[in-house]
Amino acid sequence: MDLKKWRKWLVASILISMGSLTIIFAFSSTKKAIPLILSIPLWFFLIIILVHFLHWLFWAVRIKIMAHALGENISIMWAFRIVMVNLFMASVTPSSIGGEPSRIYLLSQGNLSSGDATALILSERLLDFIFFAVSLPLFILLLGISINLEDIAMELFVAIGLFLLGGSALIYIIYNASKIKSKIKKLEKLLKFFIKGEDRRERLIHKVEKEFDTFVKSVIMIFKRKKVHFIAAMSATAIMWFADFTIPSLILLAMGYPPFWLLSITFQMIILLITIIPISPGGSGLAEFSAYFLYSQKLQPDITGALVILWRVLTFYLNLFGGMICTVHYISKGK
């Protein structure tokens, strides 16, 4: 894993995010925003960081549970390191797409095969798909309100489309595994342009087929045969997301304003969906402006500006720099 090749993405991610926050700050009344931020006690910041740490921790717990369902026992520390490296890679790639390959790579460095590692990570995405597909409509029904989404309607439409497409594609692959596998053989014709030796091509095709079989069996095992593990992993999924989604409400409490928990969690779900759109590294720009638009429906501009700035610092930047430290440590140790 070479950190240098990600340097441009890292710089782009930070610049886009900081530029977005600067614009938001300029639109806010700085007379109130700066005193609001400075008035928050240090111990309240520590509580918010601890809550965000719970998001990291329960993500690691989820990975450990799912690995155990596949018959592999990985330590919580190793799972936590995987999460942190993933957060850095996700923060510097469009749609956070760099997170999945990094988790697969790190899991396959242990006892898991490539097929098992891929199954585990894609099963994580299915758990997230189930969580958001159930939670977001439910929260909107519970609130009994209509949120003004006019200014972000296009972004939300595209995000939901990509979200449904990704989830449906995963489900299709699992239920049509035999059809997918039958087409793997056809890749040999394409490989002729890249790999000259017939024996090498056949070995590669055989390996791909073997790992695909492992992948399908592992996903079925997690979702159908290991029901206790599935329930435990689903519970960890709910805890990790709800922990992170409460942070804006905690920031509002710290500034002395009503937290409106349910509405804020709904806003967070919408923002996360929008950042799926592959426009900027780590969803930078999309997250900031979407958050400002949504929260400004309930808050004054100066309060909204302070909230969005603190929220991004205590989530995105914490992910970015915490993940970078773990990534550098991993590379320096050579493992």
C-alpha atoms as a PDB file:
ATOM      1  CA  MET A   1       0.000   0.000   0.000  1.00  0.00           C
ATOM      2  CA  ASP A   2       1.666   3.210  -1.208  1.00  0.00           C
ATOM      3  CA  LEU A   3       0.496   6.375   0.542  1.00  0.00           C
ATOM      4  CA  LYS A   4       2.194   8.701  -1.953  1.00  0.00           C
ATOM      5  CA  LYS A   5      -0.188   7.896  -4.808  1.00  0.00           C
ATOM      6  CA  TRP A   6      -3.140   8.988  -2.629  1.00  0.00           C
ATOM      7  CA  ARG A   7      -1.565  12.360  -1.808  1.00  0.00           C
ATOM      8  CA  LYS A   8      -3.411  14.236  -4.586  1.00  0.00           C
ATOM      9  CA  TRP A   9      -6.753  12.777  -3.507  1.00  0.00           C
ATOM     10  CA  LEU A  10      -6.009  13.686   0.116  1.00  0.00           C
ATOM     11  CA  VAL A  11      -5.189  17.297  -0.784  1.00  0.00           C
ATOM     12  CA  ALA A  12      -8.262  17.533  -3.048  1.00  0.00           C
ATOM     13  CA  SER A  13     -10.528  16.136  -0.323  1.00  0.00           C
ATOM     14  CA  ILE A  14      -9.276  18.612   2.291  1.00  0.00           C
ATOM     15  CA  LEU A  15      -9.341  21.606  -0.077  1.00  0.00           C
ATOM     16  CA  ILE A  16     -12.900  20.900  -1.286  1.00  0.00           C
ATOM     17  CA  SER A  17     -14.165  20.400   2.265  1.00  0.00           C
ATOM     18  CA  MET A  18     -12.384  23.482   3.641  1.00  0.00           C
ATOM     19  CA  GLY A  19     -13.546  25.555   0.671  1.00  0.00           C
ATOM     20  CA  SER A  20     -17.141  24.442   1.289  1.00  0.00           C
ATOM     21  CA  LEU A  21     -16.905  25.241   5.001  1.00  0.00           C
ATOM     22  CA  THR A  22     -15.404  28.659   4.212  1.00  0.00           C
ATOM     23  CA  ILE A  23     -18.340  29.482   1.914  1.00  0.00           C
ATOM     24  CA  ILE A  24     -20.809  28.291   4.556  1.00  0.00           C
ATOM     25  CA  PHE A  25     -19.027  30.351   7.206  1.00  0.00           C
ATOM     26  CA  ALA A  26     -19.166  33.403   4.912  1.00  0.00           C
ATOM     27  CA  PHE A  27     -22.941  32.989   4.543  1.00  0.00           C
ATOM     28  CA  SER A  28     -23.327  32.698   8.313  1.00  0.00           C
ATOM     29  CA  SER A  29     -23.360  35.589  10.741  1.00  0.00           C
ATOM     30  CA  THR A  30     -19.886  35.279  12.250  1.00  0.00           C
ATOM     31  CA  LYS A  31     -20.860  37.540  15.168  1.00  0.00           C
ATOM     32  CA  LYS A  32     -22.704  34.625  16.745  1.00  0.00           C
ATOM     33  CA  ALA A  33     -21.000  31.610  15.162  1.00  0.00           C
ATOM     34  CA  ILE A  34     -17.498  32.162  16.562  1.00  0.00           C
ATOM     35  CA  PRO A  35     -18.636  32.818  20.185  1.00  0.00           C
ATOM     36  CA  LEU A  36     -20.918  29.758  19.951  1.00  0.00           C
ATOM     37  CA  ILE A  37     -18.025  27.509  18.953  1.00  0.00           C
ATOM     38  CA  LEU A  38     -15.682  28.973  21.576  1.00  0.00           C
ATOM     39  CA  SER A  39     -18.297  28.685  24.339  1.00  0.00           C
ATOM     40  CA  ILE A  40     -18.476  24.875  24.181  1.00  0.00           C
ATOM     41  CA  PRO A  41     -16.711  23.279  27.190  1.00  0.00           C
ATOM     42  CA  LEU A  42     -13.795  20.950  26.453  1.00  0.00           C
ATOM     43  CA  TRP A  43     -15.486  18.060  28.268  1.00  0.00           C
ATOM     44  CA  PHE A  44     -18.418  18.277  25.842  1.00  0.00           C
ATOM     45  CA  PHE A  45     -16.015  17.922  22.905  1.00  0.00           C
ATOM     46  CA  LEU A  46     -14.563  14.845  24.598  1.00  0.00           C
ATOM     47  CA  ILE A  47     -18.045  13.321  24.954  1.00  0.00           C
ATOM     48  CA  ILE A  48     -18.750  13.897  21.242  1.00  0.00           C
ATOM     49  CA  ILE A  49     -15.390  12.365  20.277  1.00  0.00           C
ATOM     50  CA  LEU A  50     -16.190   9.375  22.508  1.00  0.00           C
ATOM     51  CA  VAL A  51     -19.557   8.915  20.755  1.00  0.00           C
ATOM     52  CA  HIS A  52     -17.784   9.027  17.390  1.00  0.00           C
ATOM     53  CA  PHE A  53     -15.296   6.479  18.732  1.00  0.00           C
ATOM     54  CA  LEU A  54     -18.282   4.191  19.405  1.00  0.00           C
ATOM     55  CA  HIS A  55     -19.059   4.400  15.674  1.00  0.00           C
ATOM     56  CA  TRP A  56     -15.542   3.127  14.914  1.00  0.00           C
ATOM     57  CA  LEU A  57     -15.668   0.491  17.662  1.00  0.00           C
ATOM     58  CA  PHE A  58     -19.001  -1.057  16.672  1.00  0.00           C
ATOM     59  CA  TRP A  59     -17.904  -1.120  13.036  1.00  0.00           C
ATOM     60  CA  ALA A  60     -14.931  -3.207  14.194  1.00  0.00           C
ATOM     61  CA  VAL A  61     -17.295  -5.366  16.271  1.00  0.00           C
ATOM     62  CA  ARG A  62     -19.423  -5.956  13.162  1.00  0.00           C
ATOM     63  CA  ILE A  63     -16.389  -7.099  11.167  1.00  0.00           C
ATOM     64  CA  LYS A  64     -15.357  -9.443  13.992  1.00  0.00           C
ATOM     65  CA  ILE A  65     -18.880 -10.930  14.229  1.00  0.00           C
ATOM     66  CA  MET A  66     -19.082 -11.543  10.484  1.00  0.00           C
ATOM     67  CA  ALA A  67     -15.597 -13.061  10.349  1.00  0.00           C
ATOM     68  CA  HIS A  68     -16.638 -15.388  13.191  1.00  0.00           C
ATOM     69  CA  ALA A  69     -19.695 -16.408  11.158  1.00  0.00           C
ATOM     70  CA  LEU A  70     -17.271 -17.539   8.444  1.00  0.00           C
ATOM     71  CA  GLY A  71     -15.294 -19.603  10.948  1.00  0.00           C
ATOM     72  CA  GLU A  72     -12.435 -17.134  11.396  1.00  0.00           C
ATOM     73  CA  ASN A  73     -11.490 -15.491  14.671  1.00  0.00           C
ATOM     74  CA  ILE A  74      -9.912 -12.055  14.236  1.00  0.00           C
ATOM     75  CA  SER A  75      -8.989  -9.793  17.143  1.00  0.00           C
ATOM     76  CA  ILE A  76     -10.976  -6.646  17.841  1.00  0.00           C
ATOM     77  CA  MET A  77      -7.734  -4.639  17.550  1.00  0.00           C
ATOM     78  CA  TRP A  78      -7.080  -5.949  14.034  1.00  0.00           C
ATOM     79  CA  ALA A  79     -10.715  -5.274  13.057  1.00  0.00           C
ATOM     80  CA  PHE A  80     -10.381  -1.742  14.482  1.00  0.00           C
ATOM     81  CA  ARG A  81      -7.220  -1.132  12.457  1.00  0.00           C
ATOM     82  CA  ILE A  82      -9.055  -2.295   9.318  1.00  0.00           C
ATOM     83  CA  VAL A  83     -11.835   0.212  10.048  1.00  0.00           C
ATOM     84  CA  MET A  84      -9.389   3.085  10.528  1.00  0.00           C
ATOM     85  CA  VAL A  85      -7.395   2.398   7.347  1.00  0.00           C
ATOM     86  CA  ASN A  86     -10.731   2.059   5.536  1.00  0.00           C
ATOM     87  CA  LEU A  87     -11.836   5.472   6.835  1.00  0.00           C
ATOM     88  CA  PHE A  88      -8.733   7.138   5.442  1.00  0.00           C
ATOM     89  CA  MET A  89      -9.106   5.477   2.026  1.00  0.00           C
ATOM     90  CA  ALA A  90     -12.833   6.301   1.966  1.00  0.00           C
ATOM     91  CA  SER A  91     -12.133   9.954   2.824  1.00  0.00           C
ATOM     92  CA  VAL A  92      -9.859  10.467  -0.178  1.00  0.00           C
ATOM     93  CA  THR A  93     -11.831   8.648  -2.910  1.00  0.00           C
ATOM     94  CA  PRO A  94     -15.092   9.581  -4.711  1.00  0.00           C
ATOM     95  CA  SER A  95     -18.196   7.948  -3.189  1.00  0.00           C
ATOM     96  CA  SER A  96     -15.820   6.628  -0.486  1.00  0.00           C
ATOM     97  CA  ILE A  97     -15.194   3.771  -2.928  1.00  0.00           C
ATOM     98  CA  GLY A  98     -11.633   3.228  -1.705  1.00  0.00           C
ATOM     99  CA  GLY A  99     -12.875   1.885   1.617  1.00  0.00           C
ATOM    100  CA  GLU A 100     -14.107  -1.498   0.380  1.00  0.00           C
ATOM    101  CA  PRO A 101     -10.941  -2.589  -1.497  1.00  0.00           C
ATOM    102  CA  SER A 102      -8.784  -1.600   1.482  1.00  0.00           C
ATOM    103  CA  ARG A 103     -10.920  -3.695   3.868  1.00  0.00           C
ATOM    104  CA  ILE A 104     -10.853  -6.675   1.491  1.00  0.00           C
ATOM    105  CA  TYR A 105      -7.073  -6.368   1.133  1.00  0.00           C
ATOM    106  CA  LEU A 106      -6.449  -6.176   4.882  1.00  0.00           C
ATOM    107  CA  LEU A 107      -8.826  -9.046   5.681  1.00  0.00           C
ATOM    108  CA  SER A 108      -7.157 -11.223   3.040  1.00  0.00           C
ATOM    109  CA  GLN A 109      -3.793 -10.533   4.727  1.00  0.00           C
ATOM    110  CA  GLY A 110      -5.075 -12.620   7.629  1.00  0.00           C
ATOM    111  CA  ASN A 111      -6.689 -16.058   7.496  1.00  0.00           C
ATOM    112  CA  LEU A 112      -9.560 -15.118   5.174  1.00  0.00           C
ATOM    113  CA  SER A 113      -9.411 -16.012   1.491  1.00  0.00           C
ATOM    114  CA  SER A 114     -10.103 -13.333  -1.113  1.00  0.00           C
ATOM    115  CA  GLY A 115     -13.569 -14.826  -1.636  1.00  0.00           C
ATOM    116  CA  ASP A 116     -14.381 -14.807   2.090  1.00  0.00           C
ATOM    117  CA  ALA A 117     -13.032 -11.266   2.510  1.00  0.00           C
ATOM    118  CA  THR A 118     -15.079 -10.013  -0.453  1.00  0.00           C
ATOM    119  CA  ALA A 119     -18.176 -11.780   0.878  1.00  0.00           C
ATOM    120  CA  LEU A 120     -17.719 -10.199   4.299  1.00  0.00           C
ATOM    121  CA  ILE A 121     -17.318  -6.669   2.944  1.00  0.00           C
ATOM    122  CA  LEU A 122     -20.192  -6.913   0.461  1.00  0.00           C
ATOM    123  CA  SER A 123     -22.337  -8.439   3.221  1.00  0.00           C
ATOM    124  CA  GLU A 124     -21.545  -5.325   5.257  1.00  0.00           C
ATOM    125  CA  ARG A 125     -22.947  -3.271   2.394  1.00  0.00           C
ATOM    126  CA  LEU A 126     -26.085  -5.448   2.355  1.00  0.00           C
ATOM    127  CA  LEU A 127     -26.523  -4.839   6.089  1.00  0.00           C
ATOM    128  CA  ASP A 128     -26.227  -1.096   5.479  1.00  0.00           C
ATOM    129  CA  PHE A 129     -28.692  -1.410   2.589  1.00  0.00           C
ATOM    130  CA  ILE A 130     -31.229  -3.147   4.869  1.00  0.00           C
ATOM    131  CA  PHE A 131     -30.663  -0.616   7.667  1.00  0.00           C
ATOM    132  CA  PHE A 132     -31.209   2.464   5.497  1.00  0.00           C
ATOM    133  CA  ALA A 133     -34.024   0.937   3.425  1.00  0.00           C
ATOM    134  CA  VAL A 134     -35.969   0.271   6.648  1.00  0.00           C
ATOM    135  CA  SER A 135     -34.878   3.187   8.865  1.00  0.00           C
ATOM    136  CA  LEU A 136     -35.209   6.203   6.565  1.00  0.00           C
ATOM    137  CA  PRO A 137     -38.854   5.606   5.495  1.00  0.00           C
ATOM    138  CA  LEU A 138     -39.718   4.662   9.094  1.00  0.00           C
ATOM    139  CA  PHE A 139     -38.235   7.871  10.521  1.00  0.00           C
ATOM    140  CA  ILE A 140     -40.030   9.991   7.935  1.00  0.00           C
ATOM    141  CA  LEU A 141     -43.325   8.271   8.875  1.00  0.00           C
ATOM    142  CA  LEU A 142     -42.652   8.731  12.609  1.00  0.00           C
ATOM    143  CA  LEU A 143     -41.927  12.417  12.152  1.00  0.00           C
ATOM    144  CA  GLY A 144     -45.056  12.906  10.093  1.00  0.00           C
ATOM    145  CA  ILE A 145     -43.496  15.868   8.301  1.00  0.00           C
ATOM    146  CA  SER A 146     -42.567  16.865   4.806  1.00  0.00           C
ATOM    147  CA  ILE A 147     -38.943  18.018   4.590  1.00  0.00           C
ATOM    148  CA  ASN A 148     -38.173  20.609   1.947  1.00  0.00           C
ATOM    149  CA  LEU A 149     -35.816  18.806  -0.451  1.00  0.00           C
ATOM    150  CA  GLU A 150     -36.369  21.000  -3.504  1.00  0.00           C
ATOM    151  CA  ASP A 151     -32.796  22.342  -3.722  1.00  0.00           C
ATOM    152  CA  ILE A 152     -31.203  18.899  -3.360  1.00  0.00           C
ATOM    153  CA  ALA A 153     -33.878  16.861  -5.159  1.00  0.00           C
ATOM    154  CA  MET A 154     -31.651  15.959  -8.121  1.00  0.00           C
ATOM    155  CA  GLU A 155     -28.726  14.906  -5.913  1.00  0.00           C
ATOM    156  CA  LEU A 156     -31.033  12.856  -3.685  1.00  0.00           C
ATOM    157  CA  PHE A 157     -32.700  11.215  -6.693  1.00  0.00           C
ATOM    158  CA  VAL A 158     -29.314  10.187  -8.146  1.00  0.00           C
ATOM    159  CA  ALA A 159     -28.091   8.979  -4.734  1.00  0.00           C
ATOM    160  CA  ILE A 160     -31.187   6.841  -4.098  1.00  0.00           C
ATOM    161  CA  GLY A 161     -30.866   5.428  -7.622  1.00  0.00           C
ATOM    162  CA  LEU A 162     -27.222   4.446  -7.035  1.00  0.00           C
ATOM    163  CA  PHE A 163     -28.100   3.077  -3.590  1.00  0.00           C
ATOM    164  CA  LEU A 164     -30.905   0.879  -4.936  1.00  0.00           C
ATOM    165  CA  LEU A 165     -28.834  -0.174  -7.943  1.00  0.00           C
ATOM    166  CA  GLY A 166     -25.928  -1.275  -5.749  1.00  0.00           C
ATOM    167  CA  GLY A 167     -28.147  -3.185  -3.320  1.00  0.00           C
ATOM    168  CA  SER A 168     -30.128  -4.832  -6.121  1.00  0.00           C
ATOM    169  CA  ALA A 169     -26.924  -5.822  -7.942  1.00  0.00           C
ATOM    170  CA  LEU A 170     -25.603  -7.592  -4.847  1.00  0.00           C
ATOM    171  CA  ILE A 171     -28.876  -9.448  -4.332  1.00  0.00           C
ATOM    172  CA  TYR A 172     -28.973 -10.399  -8.050  1.00  0.00           C
ATOM    173  CA  ILE A 173     -25.433 -11.829  -7.904  1.00  0.00           C
ATOM    174  CA  ILE A 174     -26.310 -14.016  -4.906  1.00  0.00           C
ATOM    175  CA  TYR A 175     -29.558 -15.371  -6.356  1.00  0.00           C
ATOM    176  CA  ASN A 176     -28.124 -15.855  -9.852  1.00  0.00           C
ATOM    177  CA  ALA A 177     -24.702 -17.182  -8.900  1.00  0.00           C
ATOM    178  CA  SER A 178     -24.788 -20.052 -11.422  1.00  0.00           C
ATOM    179  CA  LYS A 179     -25.487 -17.668 -14.323  1.00  0.00           C
ATOM    180  CA  ILE A 180     -22.679 -15.347 -13.249  1.00  0.00           C
ATOM    181  CA  LYS A 181     -20.258 -18.246 -12.863  1.00  0.00           C
ATOM    182  CA  SER A 182     -21.074 -19.604 -16.332  1.00  0.00           C
ATOM    183  CA  LYS A 183     -19.963 -16.279 -17.804  1.00  0.00           C
ATOM    184  CA  ILE A 184     -16.611 -16.285 -16.024  1.00  0.00           C
ATOM    185  CA  LYS A 185     -15.284 -18.785 -18.597  1.00  0.00           C
ATOM    186  CA  LYS A 186     -15.994 -16.273 -21.335  1.00  0.00           C
ATOM    187  CA  LEU A 187     -13.437 -13.943 -19.800  1.00  0.00           C
ATOM    188  CA  GLU A 188     -10.714 -16.160 -21.267  1.00  0.00           C
ATOM    189  CA  LYS A 189     -11.197 -14.606 -24.712  1.00  0.00           C
ATOM    190  CA  LEU A 190     -10.676 -11.143 -23.266  1.00  0.00           C
ATOM    191  CA  LEU A 191      -7.651 -12.270 -21.252  1.00  0.00           C
ATOM    192  CA  LYS A 192      -5.870 -13.342 -24.458  1.00  0.00           C
ATOM    193  CA  PHE A 193      -5.052  -9.687 -25.059  1.00  0.00           C
ATOM    194  CA  PHE A 194      -3.345  -9.369 -21.670  1.00  0.00           C
ATOM    195  CA  ILE A 195      -2.046 -12.855 -20.782  1.00  0.00           C
ATOM    196  CA  LYS A 196      -0.316 -14.833 -23.518  1.00  0.00           C
ATOM    197  CA  GLY A 197       0.144 -18.263 -21.929  1.00  0.00           C
ATOM    198  CA  GLU A 198      -2.934 -20.528 -22.105  1.00  0.00           C
ATOM    199  CA  ASP A 199      -1.972 -22.310 -18.883  1.00  0.00           C
ATOM    200  CA  ARG A 200      -1.727 -18.996 -17.028  1.00  0.00           C
ATOM    201  CA  ARG A 201      -5.146 -17.946 -18.314  1.00  0.00           C
ATOM    202  CA  GLU A 202      -6.721 -21.243 -17.259  1.00  0.00           C
ATOM    203  CA  ARG A 203      -5.173 -21.022 -13.782  1.00  0.00           C
ATOM    204  CA  LEU A 204      -6.474 -17.480 -13.377  1.00  0.00           C
ATOM    205  CA  ILE A 205      -9.987 -18.437 -14.529  1.00  0.00           C
ATOM    206  CA  HIS A 206      -9.956 -21.432 -12.169  1.00  0.00           C
ATOM    207  CA  LYS A 207      -8.885 -19.206  -9.263  1.00  0.00           C
ATOM    208  CA  VAL A 208     -11.611 -16.645 -10.042  1.00  0.00           C
ATOM    209  CA  GLU A 209     -14.234 -19.429 -10.177  1.00  0.00           C
ATOM    210  CA  LYS A 210     -13.007 -20.859  -6.884  1.00  0.00           C
ATOM    211  CA  GLU A 211     -13.075 -17.482  -5.122  1.00  0.00           C
ATOM    212  CA  PHE A 212     -16.520 -16.718  -6.587  1.00  0.00           C
ATOM    213  CA  ASP A 213     -17.854 -20.017  -5.186  1.00  0.00           C
ATOM    214  CA  THR A 214     -16.345 -19.143  -1.803  1.00  0.00           C
ATOM    215  CA  PHE A 215     -17.875 -15.667  -1.987  1.00  0.00           C
ATOM    216  CA  VAL A 216     -21.404 -16.963  -2.695  1.00  0.00           C
ATOM    217  CA  LYS A 217     -21.231 -19.688  -0.030  1.00  0.00           C
ATOM    218  CA  SER A 218     -19.947 -17.203   2.546  1.00  0.00           C
ATOM    219  CA  VAL A 219     -22.700 -14.647   1.894  1.00  0.00           C
ATOM    220  CA  ILE A 220     -25.363 -17.379   2.118  1.00  0.00           C
ATOM    221  CA  MET A 221     -23.799 -18.600   5.367  1.00  0.00           C
ATOM    222  CA  ILE A 222     -23.883 -15.114   6.918  1.00  0.00           C
ATOM    223  CA  PHE A 223     -27.465 -14.289   5.933  1.00  0.00           C
ATOM    224  CA  LYS A 224     -29.219 -17.668   6.006  1.00  0.00           C
ATOM    225  CA  ARG A 225     -27.382 -20.191   8.153  1.00  0.00           C
ATOM    226  CA  LYS A 226     -25.798 -18.042  10.847  1.00  0.00           C
ATOM    227  CA  LYS A 227     -28.912 -16.236  12.059  1.00  0.00           C
ATOM    228  CA  VAL A 228     -27.497 -15.362  15.491  1.00  0.00           C
ATOM    229  CA  HIS A 229     -24.471 -13.769  13.829  1.00  0.00           C
ATOM    230  CA  PHE A 230     -26.733 -11.936  11.381  1.00  0.00           C
ATOM    231  CA  ILE A 231     -28.836 -10.480  14.226  1.00  0.00           C
ATOM    232  CA  ALA A 232     -25.687  -9.501  16.148  1.00  0.00           C
ATOM    233  CA  ALA A 233     -24.147  -7.880  13.047  1.00  0.00           C
ATOM    234  CA  MET A 234     -27.407  -6.058  12.298  1.00  0.00           C
ATOM    235  CA  SER A 235     -27.494  -4.764  15.886  1.00  0.00           C
ATOM    236  CA  ALA A 236     -23.892  -3.549  15.589  1.00  0.00           C
ATOM    237  CA  THR A 237     -24.860  -1.833  12.320  1.00  0.00           C
ATOM    238  CA  ALA A 238     -27.720   0.035  14.005  1.00  0.00           C
ATOM    239  CA  ILE A 239     -25.555   1.101  16.969  1.00  0.00           C
ATOM    240  CA  MET A 240     -22.637   2.291  14.814  1.00  0.00           C
ATOM    241  CA  TRP A 241     -24.830   4.447  12.575  1.00  0.00           C
ATOM    242  CA  PHE A 242     -27.076   5.849  15.307  1.00  0.00           C
ATOM    243  CA  ALA A 243     -23.996   6.752  17.378  1.00  0.00           C
ATOM    244  CA  ASP A 244     -22.624   8.830  14.509  1.00  0.00           C
ATOM    245  CA  PHE A 245     -26.007  10.311  13.590  1.00  0.00           C
ATOM    246  CA  THR A 246     -26.502  11.733  17.104  1.00  0.00           C
ATOM    247  CA  ILE A 247     -23.386  13.934  16.880  1.00  0.00           C
ATOM    248  CA  PRO A 248     -25.132  17.016  15.348  1.00  0.00           C
ATOM    249  CA  SER A 249     -27.741  16.843  18.124  1.00  0.00           C
ATOM    250  CA  LEU A 250     -24.992  16.639  20.753  1.00  0.00           C
ATOM    251  CA  ILE A 251     -23.302  19.685  19.179  1.00  0.00           C
ATOM    252  CA  LEU A 252     -26.598  21.595  19.375  1.00  0.00           C
ATOM    253  CA  LEU A 253     -26.915  20.645  23.055  1.00  0.00           C
ATOM    254  CA  ALA A 254     -23.342  21.818  23.633  1.00  0.00           C
ATOM    255  CA  MET A 255     -24.233  25.196  22.081  1.00  0.00           C
ATOM    256  CA  GLY A 256     -27.377  25.445  24.221  1.00  0.00           C
ATOM    257  CA  TYR A 257     -29.994  24.706  21.549  1.00  0.00           C
ATOM    258  CA  PRO A 258     -32.722  22.022  21.249  1.00  0.00           C
ATOM    259  CA  PRO A 259     -31.271  18.871  19.644  1.00  0.00           C
ATOM    260  CA  PHE A 260     -34.365  17.621  17.661  1.00  0.00           C
ATOM    261  CA  TRP A 261     -32.972  14.059  17.691  1.00  0.00           C
ATOM    262  CA  LEU A 262     -35.259  12.248  15.239  1.00  0.00           C
ATOM    263  CA  LEU A 263     -35.224  14.983  12.612  1.00  0.00           C
ATOM    264  CA  SER A 264     -31.448  15.333  12.843  1.00  0.00           C
ATOM    265  CA  ILE A 265     -30.949  11.569  12.414  1.00  0.00           C
ATOM    266  CA  THR A 266     -33.215  11.711   9.344  1.00  0.00           C
ATOM    267  CA  PHE A 267     -31.129  14.586   7.957  1.00  0.00           C
ATOM    268  CA  GLN A 268     -27.966  12.551   8.545  1.00  0.00           C
ATOM    269  CA  MET A 269     -29.359   9.589   6.601  1.00  0.00           C
ATOM    270  CA  ILE A 270     -30.246  11.859   3.682  1.00  0.00           C
ATOM    271  CA  ILE A 271     -26.781  13.474   3.732  1.00  0.00           C
ATOM    272  CA  LEU A 272     -25.051  10.088   3.776  1.00  0.00           C
ATOM    273  CA  LEU A 273     -27.097   8.942   0.780  1.00  0.00           C
ATOM    274  CA  ILE A 274     -26.203  12.093  -1.162  1.00  0.00           C
ATOM    275  CA  THR A 275     -22.471  11.563  -0.563  1.00  0.00           C
ATOM    276  CA  ILE A 276     -22.759   8.289  -2.522  1.00  0.00           C
ATOM    277  CA  ILE A 277     -22.652  10.383  -5.715  1.00  0.00           C
ATOM    278  CA  PRO A 278     -19.108   9.999  -7.157  1.00  0.00           C
ATOM    279  CA  ILE A 279     -18.283  13.689  -7.565  1.00  0.00           C
ATOM    280  CA  SER A 280     -15.673  14.473  -4.917  1.00  0.00           C
ATOM    281  CA  PRO A 281     -13.303  12.591  -2.577  1.00  0.00           C
ATOM    282  CA  GLY A 282     -15.104  11.441   0.565  1.00  0.00           C
ATOM    283  CA  GLY A 283     -18.247  13.333  -0.451  1.00  0.00           C
ATOM    284  CA  SER A 284     -16.522  16.655   0.317  1.00  0.00           C
ATOM    285  CA  GLY A 285     -18.661  19.610  -0.691  1.00  0.00           C
ATOM    286  CA  LEU A 286     -21.804  17.522  -1.096  1.00  0.00           C
ATOM    287  CA  ALA A 287     -21.927  16.746   2.633  1.00  0.00           C
ATOM    288  CA  GLU A 288     -21.302  20.319   3.778  1.00  0.00           C
ATOM    289  CA  PHE A 289     -23.809  22.032   1.473  1.00  0.00           C
ATOM    290  CA  SER A 290     -26.480  19.327   1.954  1.00  0.00           C
ATOM    291  CA  ALA A 291     -26.131  19.643   5.726  1.00  0.00           C
ATOM    292  CA  TYR A 292     -26.339  23.433   5.590  1.00  0.00           C
ATOM    293  CA  PHE A 293     -29.468  23.309   3.423  1.00  0.00           C
ATOM    294  CA  LEU A 294     -31.247  20.747   5.619  1.00  0.00           C
ATOM    295  CA  TYR A 295     -30.381  22.172   9.048  1.00  0.00           C
ATOM    296  CA  SER A 296     -31.070  25.764   7.943  1.00  0.00           C
ATOM    297  CA  GLN A 297     -34.746  24.744   7.722  1.00  0.00           C
ATOM    298  CA  LYS A 298     -34.777  24.533  11.528  1.00  0.00           C
ATOM    299  CA  LEU A 299     -31.946  26.846  12.616  1.00  0.00           C
ATOM    300  CA  GLN A 300     -30.754  30.408  12.088  1.00  0.00           C
ATOM    301  CA  PRO A 301     -27.854  30.833   9.597  1.00  0.00           C
ATOM    302  CA  ASP A 302     -25.203  31.556  12.235  1.00  0.00           C
ATOM    303  CA  ILE A 303     -26.175  28.515  14.309  1.00  0.00           C
ATOM    304  CA  THR A 304     -26.328  26.340  11.175  1.00  0.00           C
ATOM    305  CA  GLY A 305     -22.870  27.492  10.080  1.00  0.00           C
ATOM    306  CA  ALA A 306     -21.344  26.717  13.476  1.00  0.00           C
ATOM    307  CA  LEU A 307     -23.107  23.328  13.569  1.00  0.00           C
ATOM    308  CA  VAL A 308     -21.943  22.233  10.101  1.00  0.00           C
ATOM    309  CA  ILE A 309     -18.343  23.322  10.743  1.00  0.00           C
ATOM    310  CA  LEU A 310     -18.135  21.485  14.083  1.00  0.00           C
ATOM    311  CA  TRP A 311     -19.924  18.427  12.692  1.00  0.00           C
ATOM    312  CA  ARG A 312     -17.431  18.046   9.821  1.00  0.00           C
ATOM    313  CA  VAL A 313     -14.434  18.647  12.082  1.00  0.00           C
ATOM    314  CA  LEU A 314     -15.639  16.070  14.628  1.00  0.00           C
ATOM    315  CA  THR A 315     -16.549  13.418  12.031  1.00  0.00           C
ATOM    316  CA  PHE A 316     -14.924  13.776   8.591  1.00  0.00           C
ATOM    317  CA  TYR A 317     -11.637  15.341   9.742  1.00  0.00           C
ATOM    318  CA  LEU A 318     -11.428  12.994  12.719  1.00  0.00           C
ATOM    319  CA  ASN A 319     -11.912  10.054  10.325  1.00  0.00           C
ATOM    320  CA  LEU A 320      -9.372  11.483   7.899  1.00  0.00           C
ATOM    321  CA  PHE A 321      -6.551  12.185  10.331  1.00  0.00           C
ATOM    322  CA  GLY A 322      -7.229   9.236  12.647  1.00  0.00           C
ATOM    323  CA  GLY A 323      -7.328   6.962   9.608  1.00  0.00           C
ATOM    324  CA  MET A 324      -4.161   8.515   8.189  1.00  0.00           C
ATOM    325  CA  ILE A 325      -2.253   7.862  11.434  1.00  0.00           C
ATOM    326  CA  CYS A 326      -3.316   4.183  11.407  1.00  0.00           C
ATOM    327  CA  THR A 327      -2.504   3.863   7.698  1.00  0.00           C
ATOM    328  CA  VAL A 328       0.981   5.345   8.133  1.00  0.00           C
ATOM    329  CA  HIS A 329       1.547   3.051  11.136  1.00  0.00           C
ATOM    330  CA  TYR A 330       0.431   0.023   9.104  1.00  0.00           C
ATOM    331  CA  ILE A 331       2.753   0.906   6.210  1.00  0.00           C
ATOM    332  CA  SER A 332       5.717   1.670   8.492  1.00  0.00           C
ATOM    333  CA  LYS A 333       5.341  -1.700  10.221  1.00  0.00           C
ATOM    334  CA  GLY A 334       4.994  -3.448   6.870  1.00  0.00           C
ATOM    335  CA  LYS A 335       1.842  -5.224   7.937  1.00  0.00           C
END
